[in-house]
Structure formats: structure tokens, C-alpha cells
């Protein structure tokens, strides 16, 4: 029996995923060792391998078959646009992708003026404004704290992930429009889904009992 390989998004996502897996009897003791320098962790009994990756890399590992299964946020799946199957909404890591800005930007959104949008997620922003809203905007890609952009006049609005909205509030910004709800998802390599259909389908079935 070949190993089923899992790519887990680093950080809170991986912790939550391991908790969920433990509930259904999938354990990986090695991963709990915070000082471990290992990159790949194995459960010999279940023939499963796990590795941690940066969120945006998870869909890449899955598309190319380096991992059979990935656990990653919906925002990353949408932004990366990789060829894979999204099979399960795991329900944790819940937040929203939103258009945010100062109150005054609401009027700009309602008229078809050309506005600038700062974001870490240019593909999501483009899809939302071009395909759903049918309007042209100038998209500016940033990597750091996006909230700064409208404050210093770089952009009129931002497209970003909102959990509680407290950072926005502190900076005089608010949610103006909701783009889509987000949460952790399980994705599967297209070939693995055919080759390992029985094992993967069983895993999905078992995980569903806990959701």
C-alpha cells in the first residue's frame, strides 16, 4: 500500500487539522514535538505522511501530486487557482473576504469611477470587480498591512480578510462589501482521487461525522 501524503498549511490551520484528525484516529505523534527538525512525519501503521507548508504553496504541492491531499484556506484556493478538487469544508478558520475602506468610499463604489484597490489577493479582487461587479479598477498588490493603503492615500479601498473587524475599526475603516465567506478546506490531487478513490472517500466520510 502506498503512502497517502498530506500537505498542511502551517500554523493554526495545521493545529486544528491535527486535532480533527485525532478525533477520527489519525495520529502523528512526531508532529507534536515542537523542537523536531524533521520535514516529513510518518504514520507507518496507517501508511500516511504529513508535511507542513506555507499556505500559498499547499495547492501547488497538491496540483503537482507531491501531496495527495491538502488542507488550506479557501482564500488561498481562490487566489492560486490551481487544478485540484475541493472536497470538504472543514468549518474552522472562518472569516470573510471583504472590500473595506473609509465610509466615504461607499459612494465611490456605487458610481462607476475608476478607483484603486490595494490587496494581497489580486486574483480574488480582479474576479470580484471585473466578473461580478463588471467594473474596471486599478489593482495594487501589497504584501504588508493592507489597512495602511487607504489611510495614506495609496488606494480608495482594500480587499482583505476580515475576522473580527477590530483592526479596521481602530483605523477608521469598515466593511463596505462582502466578497465571499472563507474557511479551511480539504483539497485533493485529481489523479490521486482516481487512484486512491476508496481510501480518500472513506477519509472524507469519516471526517464528515466530526463536522
Protein backbone atom coordinates (compact mmCIF):
# COMPACT_ATOMS: atom_id res chain seq x y z
CA UNK A 1 0.00 0.00 0.00
CA UNK A 2 1.43 3.39 -0.96
CA UNK A 3 1.55 6.31 1.44
CA UNK A 4 -1.15 8.96 1.33
CA UNK A 5 0.66 12.28 1.62
CA UNK A 6 -0.89 15.34 3.28
CA UNK A 7 0.28 18.95 2.94
CA UNK A 8 -0.95 21.04 5.87
CA UNK A 9 -0.96 24.84 5.92
CA UNK A 10 1.44 25.92 8.70
CA UNK A 11 0.28 27.45 11.99
CA UNK A 12 -3.22 27.44 13.43
CA UNK A 13 -4.61 25.59 10.44
CA UNK A 14 -2.27 22.63 10.96
CA UNK A 15 -3.02 22.53 14.71
CA UNK A 16 -6.77 22.49 14.11
CA UNK A 17 -6.38 19.85 11.42
CA UNK A 18 -4.34 17.54 13.66
CA UNK A 19 -6.97 17.92 16.40
CA UNK A 20 -9.68 16.94 13.90
CA UNK A 21 -7.64 14.00 12.59
CA UNK A 22 -7.03 12.73 16.14
CA UNK A 23 -10.79 12.55 16.68
CA UNK A 24 -11.04 10.04 13.85
CA UNK A 25 -7.98 8.06 14.95
CA UNK A 26 -5.37 9.56 12.63
CA UNK A 27 -2.43 10.46 14.81
CA UNK A 28 1.08 11.61 14.14
CA UNK A 29 2.99 11.82 17.42
CA UNK A 30 6.18 13.07 15.74
CA UNK A 31 4.44 16.27 14.67
CA UNK A 32 3.75 17.25 18.26
CA UNK A 33 7.44 17.62 19.00
CA UNK A 34 7.90 21.38 18.67
CA UNK A 35 11.71 21.01 18.53
CA UNK A 36 11.74 18.49 15.71
CA UNK A 37 13.75 19.50 12.66
CA UNK A 38 12.08 16.86 10.51
CA UNK A 39 10.26 17.97 7.39
CA UNK A 40 8.17 14.86 6.82
CA UNK A 41 6.28 13.00 9.53
CA UNK A 42 5.08 9.45 9.04
CA UNK A 43 2.40 7.21 10.50
CA UNK A 44 3.64 3.77 9.39
CA UNK A 45 0.58 1.95 10.64
CA UNK A 46 -1.87 3.98 8.56
CA UNK A 47 0.58 4.50 5.70
CA UNK A 48 0.23 8.27 5.88
CA UNK A 49 2.81 11.02 5.56
CA UNK A 50 2.41 14.64 6.61
CA UNK A 51 4.37 17.78 5.92
CA UNK A 52 3.87 21.44 6.76
CA UNK A 53 3.95 24.09 4.04
CA UNK A 54 3.25 27.79 3.69
CA UNK A 55 -0.42 28.29 2.87
CA UNK A 56 0.03 29.53 -0.72
CA UNK A 57 2.29 26.54 -1.52
CA UNK A 58 -0.23 23.88 -0.44
CA UNK A 59 -2.34 23.98 -3.66
CA UNK A 60 0.89 23.77 -5.71
CA UNK A 61 2.05 20.61 -3.90
CA UNK A 62 -1.40 19.11 -4.44
CA UNK A 63 -1.78 20.06 -8.11
CA UNK A 64 1.60 18.52 -8.98
CA UNK A 65 0.98 15.36 -6.95
CA UNK A 66 3.71 15.93 -4.35
CA UNK A 67 0.81 15.72 -1.88
CA UNK A 68 -2.37 13.70 -2.42
CA UNK A 69 -4.37 15.86 -0.03
CA UNK A 70 -4.00 19.43 1.19
CA UNK A 71 -5.63 21.42 3.98
CA UNK A 72 -5.73 25.11 3.19
CA UNK A 73 -7.86 28.25 3.47
CA UNK A 74 -10.46 28.99 0.79
CA UNK A 75 -8.76 32.36 0.17
CA UNK A 76 -5.58 30.55 -0.93
CA UNK A 77 -7.53 28.17 -3.19
CA UNK A 78 -9.25 31.10 -4.92
CA UNK A 79 -6.08 33.17 -5.22
CA UNK A 80 -3.87 30.34 -6.53
CA UNK A 81 -6.43 28.93 -8.97
CA UNK A 82 -4.76 25.51 -9.18
CA UNK A 83 -6.23 22.41 -10.83
CA UNK A 84 -7.48 20.29 -7.92
CA UNK A 85 -10.67 19.02 -6.32
CA UNK A 86 -12.09 20.86 -3.33
CA UNK A 87 -13.87 18.09 -1.45
CA UNK A 88 -14.69 19.30 2.06
CA UNK A 89 -15.38 22.46 4.01
CA UNK A 90 -13.79 21.78 7.40
CA UNK A 91 -15.63 24.69 9.00
CA UNK A 92 -12.77 26.14 11.07
CA UNK A 93 -10.67 29.22 10.32
CA UNK A 94 -13.90 31.04 9.47
CA UNK A 95 -13.62 34.62 8.21
CA UNK A 96 -14.69 36.73 5.24
CA UNK A 97 -13.03 38.30 2.25
CA UNK A 98 -14.30 41.89 2.09
CA UNK A 99 -13.96 45.21 0.35
CA UNK A 100 -13.09 47.70 3.11
CA UNK A 101 -12.37 51.38 3.31
CA UNK A 102 -13.46 54.63 4.92
CA UNK A 103 -17.20 55.43 4.97
CA UNK A 104 -16.60 57.99 2.20
CA UNK A 105 -15.50 55.25 -0.23
CA UNK A 106 -19.01 53.76 -0.24
CA UNK A 107 -20.16 56.40 -2.70
CA UNK A 108 -17.19 55.72 -4.98
CA UNK A 109 -18.12 52.04 -5.07
CA UNK A 110 -21.67 52.88 -6.13
CA UNK A 111 -20.58 55.07 -9.04
CA UNK A 112 -18.50 53.76 -11.85
CA UNK A 113 -15.46 55.88 -11.10
CA UNK A 114 -12.04 54.33 -11.60
CA UNK A 115 -10.79 53.51 -8.12
CA UNK A 116 -7.62 51.93 -6.82
CA UNK A 117 -7.84 48.72 -4.80
CA UNK A 118 -4.93 47.57 -2.62
CA UNK A 119 -4.78 43.87 -1.73
CA UNK A 120 -2.66 40.79 -1.04
CA UNK A 121 -5.16 38.91 -3.22
CA UNK A 122 -5.05 40.44 -6.73
CA UNK A 123 -6.77 37.47 -8.40
CA UNK A 124 -9.69 37.45 -5.97
CA UNK A 125 -10.04 41.23 -6.25
CA UNK A 126 -9.90 41.10 -10.05
CA UNK A 127 -12.51 38.35 -10.24
CA UNK A 128 -14.83 40.22 -7.88
CA UNK A 129 -14.65 43.63 -9.55
CA UNK A 130 -14.29 42.53 -13.19
CA UNK A 131 -16.55 39.47 -13.30
CA UNK A 132 -19.10 40.00 -10.55
CA UNK A 133 -19.36 43.79 -10.44
CA UNK A 134 -18.47 44.33 -14.13
CA UNK A 135 -16.31 47.34 -13.46
CA UNK A 136 -12.73 48.32 -14.10
CA UNK A 137 -10.48 49.11 -11.15
CA UNK A 138 -6.76 49.55 -10.71
CA UNK A 139 -5.40 46.78 -8.51
CA UNK A 140 -2.28 47.38 -6.43
CA UNK A 141 -0.61 44.31 -4.91
CA UNK A 142 0.78 44.75 -1.41
CA UNK A 143 2.39 42.28 0.98
CA UNK A 144 2.28 44.07 4.32
CA UNK A 145 -0.53 45.61 6.36
CA UNK A 146 -3.15 46.44 3.77
CA UNK A 147 -5.12 48.78 6.09
CA UNK A 148 -2.41 51.38 5.60
CA UNK A 149 -3.21 51.88 1.90
CA UNK A 150 -6.41 53.96 2.17
CA UNK A 151 -5.07 55.85 5.20
CA UNK A 152 -2.01 57.16 3.32
CA UNK A 153 -3.94 57.66 0.08
CA UNK A 154 -2.44 54.80 -1.93
CA UNK A 155 -5.89 53.38 -2.67
CA UNK A 156 -9.54 54.21 -2.12
CA UNK A 157 -10.41 50.73 -0.83
CA UNK A 158 -8.78 47.41 0.07
CA UNK A 159 -9.75 43.77 -0.43
CA UNK A 160 -8.70 41.76 2.59
CA UNK A 161 -9.62 39.04 5.07
CA UNK A 162 -11.79 40.20 7.95
CA UNK A 163 -12.13 38.14 11.12
CA UNK A 164 -13.44 40.44 13.84
CA UNK A 165 -13.10 43.80 12.12
CA UNK A 166 -11.37 45.37 15.14
CA UNK A 167 -8.22 46.35 13.19
CA UNK A 168 -10.41 48.08 10.63
CA UNK A 169 -12.34 49.94 13.31
CA UNK A 170 -9.16 51.12 15.04
CA UNK A 171 -8.03 52.62 11.76
CA UNK A 172 -11.29 54.30 10.82
CA UNK A 173 -12.17 51.73 8.17
CA UNK A 174 -15.20 49.49 7.78
CA UNK A 175 -16.51 46.60 5.70
CA UNK A 176 -18.19 48.07 2.63
CA UNK A 177 -18.98 44.88 0.68
CA UNK A 178 -18.55 41.16 1.30
CA UNK A 179 -16.75 39.25 -1.42
CA UNK A 180 -17.13 35.69 -0.06
CA UNK A 181 -17.08 33.60 3.14
CA UNK A 182 -13.84 31.73 3.90
CA UNK A 183 -12.83 28.69 5.95
CA UNK A 184 -10.40 25.76 5.88
CA UNK A 185 -10.94 23.32 3.02
CA UNK A 186 -9.66 19.91 2.07
CA UNK A 187 -8.34 19.62 -1.49
CA UNK A 188 -7.30 16.52 -3.41
CA UNK A 189 -4.98 15.89 -6.35
CA UNK A 190 -7.01 14.93 -9.43
CA UNK A 191 -5.02 11.76 -10.20
CA UNK A 192 -4.94 10.67 -6.53
CA UNK A 193 -8.74 10.98 -6.45
CA UNK A 194 -8.94 8.30 -9.16
CA UNK A 195 -6.08 6.06 -7.97
CA UNK A 196 -6.87 6.20 -4.26
CA UNK A 197 -10.60 6.80 -4.52
CA UNK A 198 -11.57 4.24 -1.88
CA UNK A 199 -9.18 5.49 0.82
CA UNK A 200 -9.82 9.16 0.15
CA UNK A 201 -13.61 8.75 0.00
CA UNK A 202 -13.51 6.84 3.29
CA UNK A 203 -11.41 9.59 4.88
CA UNK A 204 -13.92 12.23 3.72
CA UNK A 205 -16.81 10.15 5.06
CA UNK A 206 -15.16 9.73 8.47
CA UNK A 207 -14.20 13.39 8.75
CA UNK A 208 -17.77 14.44 7.91
CA UNK A 209 -19.00 12.65 11.03
CA UNK A 210 -16.99 15.16 13.11
CA UNK A 211 -18.10 18.32 11.33
